[in-house]
Amino acid sequence: MKTTDLPSINATFNLFSTICLILGYYFIKKNPRDEKSHRKCMFLALIFSSIFLLGYLTFHYYHGSTKFPDLGWIKTLYLFILIPHIILAVVMVPMIGMTFFFALRGNFEKHKKIARITFPIWLYVSVTGVIIYLMIYHLFKV
């Protein structure tokens, strides 16, 4: 494996995380007593997101940043997706930690309260991560 393979691998882990987040949400909304399925999915989402983060940091350590081509309004669209993605990616890390902390401690009132904010942010960052990957490496390849 080469470091140039990491963006594809990272996007795959982002996609896996997205799927787990959606399934975890589905299970807890479909049947609030099905905590086991919800817990498994959310734990897998955390694992996949963590693996993604390690791969992302490794890639950027060795490769640096990737410049998006100047394609007029397409670059504007890219930046419109990228900027909130970056900001929310930084914000979500401690939020995910707090959400899991409350769940593991059995404090489900606080868990639910913060999860209502954490979930959409985490889902947005996960989905837009895949979109950004597609824009850089497939749709508008440099």
Protein backbone atom coordinates (compact mmCIF):
# COMPACT_ATOMS: atom_id res chain seq x y z
CA MET A 1 0.00 0.00 0.00
CA LYS A 2 1.16 3.52 -0.84
CA THR A 3 0.16 6.78 0.81
CA THR A 4 -1.59 7.70 -2.45
CA ASP A 5 -4.03 4.83 -1.73
CA LEU A 6 -5.13 6.43 1.53
CA PRO A 7 -7.75 8.87 0.15
CA SER A 8 -9.75 5.99 -1.33
CA ILE A 9 -9.39 3.93 1.84
CA ASN A 10 -10.32 6.93 3.97
CA ALA A 11 -13.42 7.63 1.89
CA THR A 12 -14.46 3.99 2.28
CA PHE A 13 -14.20 4.24 6.07
CA ASN A 14 -16.17 7.49 5.94
CA LEU A 15 -18.86 5.72 3.93
CA PHE A 16 -18.93 2.81 6.41
CA SER A 17 -19.27 5.32 9.23
CA THR A 18 -22.18 7.02 7.44
CA ILE A 19 -23.98 3.70 6.98
CA CYS A 20 -23.48 2.78 10.65
CA LEU A 21 -24.71 6.20 11.80
CA ILE A 22 -27.88 5.89 9.73
CA LEU A 23 -28.50 2.31 10.89
CA GLY A 24 -27.87 3.24 14.53
CA TYR A 25 -30.35 6.08 14.26
CA TYR A 26 -32.86 3.83 12.52
CA PHE A 27 -32.64 1.12 15.18
CA ILE A 28 -33.13 3.46 18.13
CA LYS A 29 -36.03 5.30 16.45
CA LYS A 30 -37.71 2.11 15.19
CA ASN A 31 -37.58 0.43 18.58
CA PRO A 32 -36.15 2.47 21.49
CA ARG A 33 -35.72 -0.77 23.44
CA ASP A 34 -33.33 -2.11 20.80
CA GLU A 35 -30.34 -0.49 22.46
CA LYS A 36 -28.12 -3.42 21.51
CA SER A 37 -28.38 -2.82 17.75
CA HIS A 38 -28.08 0.92 18.23
CA ARG A 39 -25.01 0.51 20.43
CA LYS A 40 -23.29 -1.84 17.96
CA CYS A 41 -23.87 0.51 15.03
CA MET A 42 -22.72 3.60 16.89
CA PHE A 43 -19.63 1.83 18.21
CA LEU A 44 -18.77 0.71 14.65
CA ALA A 45 -19.31 4.29 13.43
CA LEU A 46 -16.83 5.44 16.05
CA ILE A 47 -14.31 2.77 15.03
CA PHE A 48 -14.66 3.57 11.31
CA SER A 49 -14.39 7.32 11.95
CA SER A 50 -11.30 6.77 14.10
CA ILE A 51 -9.64 4.65 11.41
CA PHE A 52 -10.54 7.34 8.89
CA LEU A 53 -8.94 10.02 11.08
CA LEU A 54 -5.72 8.03 11.43
CA GLY A 55 -5.56 7.52 7.66
CA TYR A 56 -6.40 11.17 6.99
CA LEU A 57 -3.69 12.45 9.33
CA THR A 58 -1.16 9.97 7.91
CA PHE A 59 -1.94 10.98 4.33
CA HIS A 60 -1.65 14.70 5.04
CA TYR A 61 1.52 14.24 7.06
CA TYR A 62 3.27 12.60 4.12
CA HIS A 63 1.47 14.21 1.19
CA GLY A 64 0.41 17.64 2.39
CA SER A 65 -2.79 19.24 1.18
CA THR A 66 -4.39 18.65 -2.19
CA LYS A 67 -5.15 21.76 -4.22
CA PHE A 68 -8.55 21.86 -5.89
CA PRO A 69 -8.40 23.20 -9.47
CA ASP A 70 -9.78 26.67 -10.17
CA LEU A 71 -12.98 25.75 -12.01
CA GLY A 72 -15.04 28.86 -11.34
CA TRP A 73 -18.39 28.15 -9.68
CA ILE A 74 -17.42 24.50 -9.12
CA LYS A 75 -14.56 25.58 -6.87
CA THR A 76 -16.98 27.91 -5.06
CA LEU A 77 -19.32 24.94 -4.53
CA TYR A 78 -16.38 22.83 -3.33
CA LEU A 79 -15.38 25.51 -0.80
CA PHE A 80 -19.02 25.91 0.27
CA ILE A 81 -18.98 22.21 1.22
CA LEU A 82 -15.39 22.08 2.49
CA ILE A 83 -15.33 25.03 4.92
CA PRO A 84 -18.26 23.94 7.12
CA HIS A 85 -16.99 20.34 6.82
CA ILE A 86 -13.64 21.33 8.35
CA ILE A 87 -15.14 23.48 11.09
CA LEU A 88 -17.70 20.85 12.08
CA ALA A 89 -15.11 18.05 11.92
CA VAL A 90 -13.11 19.84 14.61
CA VAL A 91 -16.20 20.61 16.70
CA MET A 92 -17.62 17.09 16.50
CA VAL A 93 -14.65 15.25 18.03
CA PRO A 94 -15.25 16.38 21.63
CA MET A 95 -19.01 16.13 21.08
CA ILE A 96 -18.70 12.48 20.03
CA GLY A 97 -16.54 11.85 23.07
CA MET A 98 -19.13 13.41 25.38
CA THR A 99 -21.99 11.54 23.71
CA PHE A 100 -20.24 8.20 24.18
CA PHE A 101 -19.16 9.13 27.71
CA PHE A 102 -22.75 9.75 28.81
CA ALA A 103 -23.96 6.56 27.14
CA LEU A 104 -21.24 4.45 28.74
CA ARG A 105 -22.01 5.98 32.14
CA GLY A 106 -25.70 5.17 31.72
CA ASN A 107 -26.69 8.84 31.80
CA PHE A 108 -29.15 8.51 28.94
CA GLU A 109 -30.86 11.85 29.52
CA LYS A 110 -27.62 13.74 28.86
CA HIS A 111 -26.71 11.23 26.13
CA LYS A 112 -29.97 11.88 24.24
CA LYS A 113 -29.66 15.63 24.70
CA ILE A 114 -26.17 15.88 23.21
CA ALA A 115 -26.76 13.09 20.65
CA ARG A 116 -29.50 15.23 19.08
CA ILE A 117 -26.80 17.75 18.22
CA THR A 118 -23.87 15.37 17.67
CA PHE A 119 -25.66 13.02 15.28
CA PRO A 120 -26.52 15.50 12.50
CA ILE A 121 -23.07 17.09 12.70
CA TRP A 122 -21.31 13.72 12.56
CA LEU A 123 -23.54 12.60 9.70
CA TYR A 124 -22.94 15.84 7.78
CA VAL A 125 -19.16 15.57 8.20
CA SER A 126 -19.17 11.92 7.22
CA VAL A 127 -21.31 12.42 4.10
CA THR A 128 -19.51 15.57 2.96
CA GLY A 129 -16.18 13.80 3.48
CA VAL A 130 -17.19 11.30 0.81
CA ILE A 131 -18.47 14.09 -1.45
CA ILE A 132 -15.21 16.03 -1.06
CA TYR A 133 -13.23 12.89 -1.89
CA LEU A 134 -15.32 12.32 -5.04
CA MET A 135 -14.92 15.95 -6.10
CA ILE A 136 -11.13 15.95 -5.65
CA TYR A 137 -10.20 12.50 -6.92
CA HIS A 138 -12.89 11.55 -9.42
CA LEU A 139 -15.22 14.30 -10.61
CA PHE A 140 -12.69 17.14 -10.95
CA LYS A 141 -9.39 15.29 -10.79
CA VAL A 142 -6.31 17.50 -10.78
